[in-house]
N, C-alpha and C. Protein backbone atom coordinates (compact mmCIF):
# COMPACT_ATOMS: atom_id res chain seq x y z
N SER A 1 -20.36 175.20 110.05
CA SER A 1 -20.30 173.97 110.83
C SER A 1 -18.89 173.41 110.83
N ARG A 2 -18.65 172.58 111.80
CA ARG A 2 -17.41 171.82 111.86
C ARG A 2 -17.79 170.35 111.76
N PHE A 3 -16.88 169.56 111.20
CA PHE A 3 -17.20 168.18 110.90
C PHE A 3 -16.13 167.21 111.37
N ILE A 4 -16.56 165.97 111.54
CA ILE A 4 -15.70 164.82 111.76
C ILE A 4 -15.91 163.92 110.55
N LEU A 5 -14.86 163.34 110.03
CA LEU A 5 -14.97 162.37 108.94
C LEU A 5 -14.90 160.97 109.55
N ALA A 6 -15.93 160.16 109.30
CA ALA A 6 -15.98 158.80 109.83
C ALA A 6 -15.84 157.81 108.68
N ILE A 7 -15.15 156.69 108.95
CA ILE A 7 -15.01 155.62 107.96
C ILE A 7 -15.28 154.29 108.65
N ASP A 8 -16.05 153.45 107.99
CA ASP A 8 -16.30 152.11 108.51
C ASP A 8 -16.82 151.22 107.38
N ALA A 9 -16.66 149.94 107.56
CA ALA A 9 -17.14 148.95 106.58
C ALA A 9 -18.34 148.21 107.18
N SER A 10 -19.27 147.83 106.31
CA SER A 10 -20.47 147.11 106.72
C SER A 10 -20.59 145.82 105.92
N PHE A 11 -20.99 144.77 106.61
CA PHE A 11 -21.16 143.45 106.00
C PHE A 11 -22.61 143.25 105.59
N ILE A 12 -22.82 142.67 104.42
CA ILE A 12 -24.16 142.33 103.94
C ILE A 12 -24.15 140.83 103.64
N PRO A 13 -24.93 140.04 104.38
CA PRO A 13 -24.95 138.59 104.10
C PRO A 13 -25.54 138.32 102.72
N LYS A 14 -24.95 137.39 102.02
CA LYS A 14 -25.41 137.05 100.68
C LYS A 14 -25.01 135.61 100.40
N SER A 15 -25.94 134.79 99.94
CA SER A 15 -25.62 133.39 99.73
C SER A 15 -25.53 133.00 98.26
N GLY A 16 -25.88 133.89 97.35
CA GLY A 16 -25.82 133.57 95.92
C GLY A 16 -24.41 133.27 95.46
N LYS A 17 -24.28 132.49 94.42
CA LYS A 17 -22.96 132.10 93.90
C LYS A 17 -22.46 133.02 92.80
N LYS A 18 -23.35 133.80 92.19
CA LYS A 18 -22.97 134.61 91.04
C LYS A 18 -22.99 136.11 91.32
N THR A 19 -23.14 136.48 92.55
CA THR A 19 -23.17 137.90 92.91
C THR A 19 -21.78 138.51 92.76
N GLU A 20 -21.71 139.62 92.06
CA GLU A 20 -20.42 140.31 91.87
C GLU A 20 -19.87 140.78 93.21
N GLY A 21 -18.62 140.46 93.48
CA GLY A 21 -17.98 140.91 94.71
C GLY A 21 -18.18 140.00 95.90
N LEU A 22 -18.82 138.87 95.70
CA LEU A 22 -19.07 137.93 96.79
C LEU A 22 -17.74 137.40 97.32
N GLY A 23 -17.61 137.36 98.63
CA GLY A 23 -16.39 136.87 99.23
C GLY A 23 -16.56 136.67 100.72
N ALA A 24 -15.49 136.32 101.38
CA ALA A 24 -15.49 136.15 102.83
C ALA A 24 -15.08 137.48 103.46
N PHE A 25 -15.98 138.04 104.27
CA PHE A 25 -15.74 139.31 104.95
C PHE A 25 -16.10 139.16 106.42
N TRP A 26 -15.59 140.06 107.24
CA TRP A 26 -15.88 140.02 108.67
C TRP A 26 -17.32 140.45 108.92
N ASN A 27 -18.06 139.59 109.60
CA ASN A 27 -19.44 139.86 110.00
C ASN A 27 -19.41 140.17 111.49
N GLY A 28 -19.44 141.44 111.84
CA GLY A 28 -19.35 141.84 113.24
C GLY A 28 -20.51 141.34 114.08
N SER A 29 -21.68 141.21 113.50
CA SER A 29 -22.84 140.71 114.24
C SER A 29 -22.66 139.27 114.69
N ALA A 30 -21.98 138.49 113.87
CA ALA A 30 -21.75 137.08 114.21
C ALA A 30 -20.36 136.84 114.79
N SER A 31 -19.52 137.87 114.82
CA SER A 31 -18.14 137.78 115.30
C SER A 31 -17.35 136.69 114.57
N ARG A 32 -17.51 136.65 113.24
CA ARG A 32 -16.77 135.68 112.44
C ARG A 32 -16.79 136.15 110.97
N SER A 33 -15.96 135.52 110.18
CA SER A 33 -15.95 135.78 108.75
C SER A 33 -17.06 134.97 108.10
N ASP A 34 -17.85 135.62 107.23
CA ASP A 34 -18.96 134.96 106.54
C ASP A 34 -18.92 135.32 105.06
N THR A 35 -19.68 134.57 104.28
CA THR A 35 -19.80 134.86 102.86
C THR A 35 -20.84 135.96 102.65
N GLY A 36 -20.44 136.96 101.88
CA GLY A 36 -21.35 138.06 101.62
C GLY A 36 -20.64 139.17 100.88
N LEU A 37 -21.13 140.37 101.08
CA LEU A 37 -20.57 141.57 100.46
C LEU A 37 -20.14 142.54 101.55
N GLU A 38 -19.23 143.44 101.19
CA GLU A 38 -18.81 144.47 102.14
C GLU A 38 -18.85 145.82 101.44
N LEU A 39 -19.36 146.81 102.16
CA LEU A 39 -19.37 148.18 101.69
C LEU A 39 -18.56 149.04 102.66
N SER A 40 -17.74 149.90 102.11
CA SER A 40 -16.97 150.84 102.92
C SER A 40 -17.60 152.22 102.74
N CYS A 41 -17.90 152.88 103.86
CA CYS A 41 -18.59 154.18 103.81
C CYS A 41 -17.77 155.24 104.53
N LEU A 42 -17.68 156.39 103.88
CA LEU A 42 -17.11 157.59 104.51
C LEU A 42 -18.24 158.60 104.65
N ALA A 43 -18.37 159.18 105.83
CA ALA A 43 -19.44 160.15 106.08
C ALA A 43 -18.92 161.32 106.90
N LEU A 44 -19.52 162.47 106.65
CA LEU A 44 -19.25 163.64 107.47
C LEU A 44 -20.27 163.68 108.60
N ILE A 45 -19.79 163.93 109.79
CA ILE A 45 -20.67 164.06 110.95
C ILE A 45 -20.57 165.50 111.43
N SER A 46 -21.70 166.19 111.48
CA SER A 46 -21.74 167.57 111.92
C SER A 46 -21.62 167.63 113.43
N LEU A 47 -20.73 168.47 113.92
CA LEU A 47 -20.56 168.63 115.37
C LEU A 47 -21.69 169.46 115.98
N THR A 48 -22.31 170.30 115.19
CA THR A 48 -23.34 171.19 115.74
C THR A 48 -24.76 170.69 115.52
N GLY A 49 -25.02 170.06 114.39
CA GLY A 49 -26.38 169.65 114.07
C GLY A 49 -26.69 168.19 114.30
N GLN A 50 -25.71 167.42 114.73
CA GLN A 50 -25.88 165.98 114.96
C GLN A 50 -26.45 165.27 113.74
N HIS A 51 -25.89 165.58 112.57
CA HIS A 51 -26.31 164.96 111.33
C HIS A 51 -25.11 164.25 110.70
N ALA A 52 -25.38 163.19 109.96
CA ALA A 52 -24.35 162.50 109.19
C ALA A 52 -24.68 162.63 107.71
N PHE A 53 -23.65 162.86 106.92
CA PHE A 53 -23.81 163.04 105.49
C PHE A 53 -22.89 162.05 104.78
N PRO A 54 -23.42 160.97 104.21
CA PRO A 54 -22.55 160.02 103.49
C PRO A 54 -21.88 160.72 102.30
N LEU A 55 -20.57 160.52 102.18
CA LEU A 55 -19.81 161.12 101.09
C LEU A 55 -19.47 160.13 100.00
N ASP A 56 -19.14 158.91 100.42
CA ASP A 56 -18.64 157.93 99.47
C ASP A 56 -18.89 156.53 100.01
N ILE A 57 -19.51 155.69 99.20
CA ILE A 57 -19.73 154.30 99.56
C ILE A 57 -19.21 153.45 98.41
N ARG A 58 -18.36 152.48 98.76
CA ARG A 58 -17.77 151.61 97.74
C ARG A 58 -17.86 150.15 98.17
N GLN A 59 -18.07 149.31 97.20
CA GLN A 59 -18.06 147.88 97.48
C GLN A 59 -16.60 147.43 97.56
N THR A 60 -16.29 146.69 98.60
CA THR A 60 -14.94 146.15 98.75
C THR A 60 -14.79 144.94 97.84
N ARG A 61 -13.71 144.93 97.09
CA ARG A 61 -13.42 143.78 96.23
C ARG A 61 -12.82 142.67 97.08
N PRO A 62 -13.32 141.45 96.96
CA PRO A 62 -12.76 140.37 97.77
C PRO A 62 -11.37 139.98 97.26
N LYS A 63 -10.48 139.77 98.17
CA LYS A 63 -9.13 139.32 97.85
C LYS A 63 -8.72 138.28 98.88
N GLN A 64 -7.59 137.72 98.66
CA GLN A 64 -7.15 136.64 99.54
C GLN A 64 -6.57 137.12 100.86
N ASP A 65 -6.05 138.32 100.89
CA ASP A 65 -5.43 138.77 102.14
C ASP A 65 -6.04 140.09 102.62
N ARG A 66 -5.95 140.30 103.90
CA ARG A 66 -6.53 141.49 104.52
C ARG A 66 -5.82 142.77 104.09
N ALA A 67 -4.52 142.67 103.80
CA ALA A 67 -3.75 143.86 103.43
C ALA A 67 -4.35 144.53 102.20
N ASP A 68 -4.82 143.74 101.24
CA ASP A 68 -5.39 144.32 100.04
C ASP A 68 -6.66 145.11 100.37
N ARG A 69 -7.45 144.64 101.29
CA ARG A 69 -8.66 145.38 101.69
C ARG A 69 -8.29 146.71 102.33
N LEU A 70 -7.27 146.71 103.15
CA LEU A 70 -6.83 147.96 103.77
C LEU A 70 -6.37 148.95 102.71
N GLU A 71 -5.72 148.46 101.67
CA GLU A 71 -5.30 149.34 100.58
C GLU A 71 -6.52 149.93 99.86
N GLN A 72 -7.59 149.15 99.72
CA GLN A 72 -8.81 149.66 99.11
C GLN A 72 -9.43 150.76 99.97
N TYR A 73 -9.46 150.56 101.28
CA TYR A 73 -10.00 151.58 102.18
C TYR A 73 -9.16 152.86 102.11
N LEU A 74 -7.84 152.69 102.05
CA LEU A 74 -6.95 153.84 101.98
C LEU A 74 -7.14 154.60 100.66
N GLU A 75 -7.29 153.88 99.57
CA GLU A 75 -7.54 154.52 98.28
C GLU A 75 -8.83 155.34 98.33
N GLN A 76 -9.85 154.79 98.95
CA GLN A 76 -11.13 155.51 99.09
C GLN A 76 -10.94 156.77 99.93
N LEU A 77 -10.23 156.66 101.04
CA LEU A 77 -9.99 157.81 101.91
C LEU A 77 -9.24 158.91 101.16
N LYS A 78 -8.20 158.55 100.44
CA LYS A 78 -7.42 159.54 99.69
C LYS A 78 -8.27 160.19 98.59
N ASP A 79 -9.10 159.38 97.92
CA ASP A 79 -9.98 159.94 96.89
C ASP A 79 -10.94 160.97 97.48
N VAL A 80 -11.49 160.68 98.63
CA VAL A 80 -12.42 161.62 99.27
C VAL A 80 -11.68 162.89 99.68
N PHE A 81 -10.47 162.75 100.20
CA PHE A 81 -9.70 163.94 100.56
C PHE A 81 -9.47 164.83 99.33
N THR A 82 -9.11 164.23 98.20
CA THR A 82 -8.75 165.04 97.04
C THR A 82 -9.96 165.51 96.23
N GLN A 83 -11.03 164.72 96.19
CA GLN A 83 -12.15 165.04 95.31
C GLN A 83 -13.34 165.69 96.01
N ARG A 84 -13.54 165.42 97.27
CA ARG A 84 -14.80 165.84 97.90
C ARG A 84 -14.65 166.83 99.04
N LEU A 85 -13.46 166.94 99.61
CA LEU A 85 -13.33 167.76 100.81
C LEU A 85 -12.65 169.11 100.57
N ALA A 86 -12.42 169.46 99.34
CA ALA A 86 -11.75 170.73 99.05
C ALA A 86 -12.51 171.92 99.63
N GLY A 87 -13.82 171.88 99.62
CA GLY A 87 -14.63 172.97 100.13
C GLY A 87 -14.74 173.03 101.64
N LEU A 88 -14.16 172.06 102.32
CA LEU A 88 -14.24 172.02 103.78
C LEU A 88 -12.93 172.39 104.46
N SER A 89 -12.07 173.06 103.74
CA SER A 89 -10.78 173.44 104.30
C SER A 89 -10.97 174.19 105.61
N GLY A 90 -10.33 173.71 106.65
CA GLY A 90 -10.40 174.33 107.96
C GLY A 90 -11.61 173.92 108.80
N GLN A 91 -12.54 173.19 108.23
CA GLN A 91 -13.74 172.79 108.97
C GLN A 91 -13.70 171.34 109.45
N LEU A 92 -12.80 170.54 108.90
CA LEU A 92 -12.70 169.14 109.29
C LEU A 92 -11.79 169.03 110.52
N ARG A 93 -12.34 168.53 111.61
CA ARG A 93 -11.63 168.51 112.88
C ARG A 93 -10.94 167.19 113.22
N ALA A 94 -11.48 166.07 112.71
CA ALA A 94 -10.91 164.76 113.05
C ALA A 94 -11.40 163.71 112.07
N VAL A 95 -10.68 162.61 112.04
CA VAL A 95 -11.11 161.42 111.32
C VAL A 95 -11.28 160.34 112.38
N VAL A 96 -12.43 159.67 112.37
CA VAL A 96 -12.67 158.61 113.35
C VAL A 96 -12.93 157.29 112.63
N ALA A 97 -12.43 156.21 113.24
CA ALA A 97 -12.57 154.87 112.68
C ALA A 97 -12.31 153.86 113.80
N ASP A 98 -12.64 152.61 113.53
CA ASP A 98 -12.34 151.60 114.55
C ASP A 98 -10.90 151.13 114.41
N GLY A 99 -10.50 150.20 115.25
CA GLY A 99 -9.12 149.75 115.32
C GLY A 99 -8.56 149.16 114.05
N GLN A 100 -9.43 148.68 113.18
CA GLN A 100 -8.97 148.11 111.91
C GLN A 100 -8.16 149.11 111.10
N TYR A 101 -8.44 150.38 111.27
CA TYR A 101 -7.79 151.43 110.49
C TYR A 101 -6.57 152.02 111.20
N ALA A 102 -6.23 151.51 112.35
CA ALA A 102 -5.10 152.05 113.13
C ALA A 102 -3.78 151.52 112.58
N LYS A 103 -3.50 151.92 111.38
CA LYS A 103 -2.28 151.50 110.68
C LYS A 103 -1.53 152.75 110.25
N LYS A 104 -0.22 152.61 110.12
CA LYS A 104 0.62 153.74 109.76
C LYS A 104 0.17 154.40 108.45
N MET A 105 -0.23 153.60 107.46
CA MET A 105 -0.61 154.19 106.18
C MET A 105 -1.83 155.09 106.31
N PHE A 106 -2.77 154.77 107.21
CA PHE A 106 -3.93 155.64 107.43
C PHE A 106 -3.53 156.89 108.20
N MET A 107 -2.70 156.71 109.22
CA MET A 107 -2.26 157.87 109.99
C MET A 107 -1.49 158.84 109.12
N ASP A 108 -0.64 158.32 108.23
CA ASP A 108 0.13 159.17 107.32
C ASP A 108 -0.80 159.95 106.38
N ALA A 109 -1.84 159.28 105.85
CA ALA A 109 -2.78 159.95 104.94
C ALA A 109 -3.53 161.06 105.64
N VAL A 110 -3.98 160.82 106.87
CA VAL A 110 -4.71 161.84 107.62
C VAL A 110 -3.77 162.98 107.98
N HIS A 111 -2.57 162.65 108.43
CA HIS A 111 -1.59 163.67 108.80
C HIS A 111 -1.24 164.55 107.59
N ALA A 112 -1.16 163.97 106.41
CA ALA A 112 -0.85 164.73 105.21
C ALA A 112 -1.93 165.78 104.91
N GLU A 113 -3.15 165.54 105.39
CA GLU A 113 -4.23 166.51 105.20
C GLU A 113 -4.25 167.56 106.31
N GLN A 114 -3.34 167.45 107.27
CA GLN A 114 -3.21 168.38 108.39
C GLN A 114 -4.47 168.50 109.23
N ILE A 115 -5.06 167.35 109.50
CA ILE A 115 -6.26 167.33 110.35
C ILE A 115 -5.83 167.10 111.78
């Protein structure tokens, strides 16, 4: 099979005050920042079988600025490249993500993997 690697973050609404990782994150459903949790997921999508295989899901740590979140996503992407994708050499065709990831640091990381 050949695969595409997809990355995206998901918002989980949460109103508790003592939940670990609680912070203000973008809630795409409401088109605004809300209090809750965020999970970043990387998944392989099969080009032939139309299946998705989650590889890595991490809770985003809340911080004061957006740049820190992007660094967390980049760290996750690099970890997946080095730890989980060694067996897929030559089978990974593309990395797909929304515009939030269209930053030089992400493009450099993907380019370094020769995808």
